């Protein structure tokens, strides 16, 4: 169990990082259009490959976690990414997060702790 927690934290950081990079990629891409030119222009948007690398690392870590730890312990710990997501919303995207959103995250985390016990 003590080896699982740091791995789950690291996996959650990369998972959340992939989501942040995806949002940054979409924000820098301009208006969405169903055209070849739009999709071709995204090939030079370095946020997309960075997003893919982050998701790839998160996936490899998740594969390792699933292989070596019980699913009933591993899956609840994946909810740690909710906390990182809220922190990213505040510090990277400068969003206002109200107390009910934090309460929701705390309830989810409390449930995860109970399930993992």
Protein backbone atom coordinates (compact mmCIF):
# COMPACT_ATOMS: atom_id res chain seq x y z
CA UNK A 1 0.00 0.00 0.00
CA UNK A 2 2.83 2.44 0.81
CA UNK A 3 4.30 1.96 -2.66
CA UNK A 4 0.91 2.49 -4.28
CA UNK A 5 0.29 5.99 -2.87
CA UNK A 6 3.32 7.73 -4.47
CA UNK A 7 2.65 5.94 -7.76
CA UNK A 8 -1.00 7.00 -7.69
CA UNK A 9 0.04 10.59 -6.91
CA UNK A 10 2.48 10.62 -9.81
CA UNK A 11 -0.06 9.06 -12.16
CA UNK A 12 -2.65 11.64 -11.11
CA UNK A 13 -0.19 14.50 -11.70
CA UNK A 14 0.47 13.29 -15.26
CA UNK A 15 -3.23 12.67 -15.89
CA UNK A 16 -4.15 16.16 -14.72
CA UNK A 17 -1.17 17.59 -16.59
CA UNK A 18 -2.46 16.03 -19.79
CA UNK A 19 -5.84 17.67 -19.26
CA UNK A 20 -4.23 21.05 -18.56
CA UNK A 21 -2.04 20.77 -21.66
CA UNK A 22 -5.08 19.78 -23.72
CA UNK A 23 -6.98 22.87 -22.54
CA UNK A 24 -3.95 25.06 -23.32
CA UNK A 25 -3.67 23.47 -26.77
CA UNK A 26 -7.31 24.14 -27.52
CA UNK A 27 -7.08 27.70 -26.20
CA UNK A 28 -4.15 28.47 -28.49
CA UNK A 29 -5.69 26.87 -31.58
CA UNK A 30 -8.19 29.58 -32.42
CA UNK A 31 -11.79 28.88 -33.43
CA UNK A 32 -12.61 25.27 -34.24
CA UNK A 33 -13.39 24.46 -37.88
CA UNK A 34 -14.06 21.16 -39.62
CA UNK A 35 -11.41 21.74 -42.25
CA UNK A 36 -8.14 20.15 -43.30
CA UNK A 37 -6.36 23.48 -42.80
CA UNK A 38 -7.46 23.66 -39.18
CA UNK A 39 -6.29 20.13 -38.38
CA UNK A 40 -3.07 20.60 -40.31
CA UNK A 41 -2.35 23.78 -38.35
CA UNK A 42 -2.66 21.79 -35.13
CA UNK A 43 0.36 19.68 -36.10
CA UNK A 44 2.59 22.64 -35.24
CA UNK A 45 0.84 23.32 -31.93
CA UNK A 46 3.38 21.91 -29.46
CA UNK A 47 0.76 21.73 -26.67
CA UNK A 48 -0.85 18.72 -28.37
CA UNK A 49 2.26 16.50 -28.41
CA UNK A 50 3.04 17.56 -24.83
CA UNK A 51 -0.49 16.54 -23.90
CA UNK A 52 0.02 13.16 -25.59
CA UNK A 53 3.29 12.57 -23.75
CA UNK A 54 1.69 13.40 -20.42
CA UNK A 55 -1.26 11.08 -21.10
CA UNK A 56 1.16 8.40 -22.30
CA UNK A 57 3.19 8.52 -19.09
CA UNK A 58 -0.02 8.47 -17.03
CA UNK A 59 -1.18 5.42 -18.97
CA UNK A 60 2.09 3.53 -18.49
CA UNK A 61 2.00 4.28 -14.76
CA UNK A 62 -1.64 3.16 -14.63
CA UNK A 63 -0.74 -0.10 -16.39
CA UNK A 64 1.96 -0.73 -13.80
CA UNK A 65 -0.42 0.09 -10.94
CA UNK A 66 -3.12 -2.22 -12.32
CA UNK A 67 -0.62 -5.02 -12.80
CA UNK A 68 0.83 -4.89 -9.29
CA UNK A 69 -1.95 -3.71 -6.97
CA UNK A 70 -5.54 -4.72 -6.28
CA UNK A 71 -8.04 -2.82 -8.42
CA UNK A 72 -10.17 -2.12 -5.35
CA UNK A 73 -7.28 -0.08 -3.92
CA UNK A 74 -5.87 1.40 -7.11
CA UNK A 75 -9.01 2.81 -8.66
CA UNK A 76 -10.19 4.92 -5.72
CA UNK A 77 -6.75 6.51 -5.52
CA UNK A 78 -7.09 7.70 -9.11
CA UNK A 79 -9.56 10.29 -7.77
CA UNK A 80 -6.61 12.24 -6.38
CA UNK A 81 -6.54 13.90 -9.80
CA UNK A 82 -9.68 15.87 -8.79
CA UNK A 83 -7.61 17.82 -6.27
CA UNK A 84 -4.91 18.52 -8.83
CA UNK A 85 -7.59 19.61 -11.29
CA UNK A 86 -9.05 22.10 -8.84
CA UNK A 87 -5.58 23.47 -8.07
CA UNK A 88 -4.86 23.79 -11.81
CA UNK A 89 -8.16 25.64 -12.27
CA UNK A 90 -7.12 28.14 -9.61
CA UNK A 91 -3.40 28.61 -10.29
CA UNK A 92 -3.12 28.03 -14.04
CA UNK A 93 -6.49 29.12 -15.42
CA UNK A 94 -7.29 31.67 -12.69
CA UNK A 95 -10.80 30.34 -12.23
CA UNK A 96 -12.93 30.99 -9.18
CA UNK A 97 -13.61 27.77 -7.30
CA UNK A 98 -16.39 28.12 -4.75
CA UNK A 99 -16.77 26.27 -1.48
CA UNK A 100 -19.40 23.85 -2.83
CA UNK A 101 -16.95 22.63 -5.46
CA UNK A 102 -14.31 22.09 -2.77
CA UNK A 103 -16.90 20.32 -0.63
CA UNK A 104 -17.67 18.02 -3.54
CA UNK A 105 -14.00 17.19 -3.99
CA UNK A 106 -13.61 16.55 -0.25
CA UNK A 107 -16.63 14.22 -0.27
CA UNK A 108 -15.23 12.33 -3.24
CA UNK A 109 -11.85 12.03 -1.51
CA UNK A 110 -13.52 10.90 1.72
CA UNK A 111 -15.33 8.22 -0.20
CA UNK A 112 -12.10 7.14 -1.84
CA UNK A 113 -10.42 6.83 1.54
CA UNK A 114 -13.30 4.73 2.86
CA UNK A 115 -13.25 2.47 -0.19
CA UNK A 116 -9.47 2.02 0.00
CA UNK A 117 -9.58 0.98 3.67
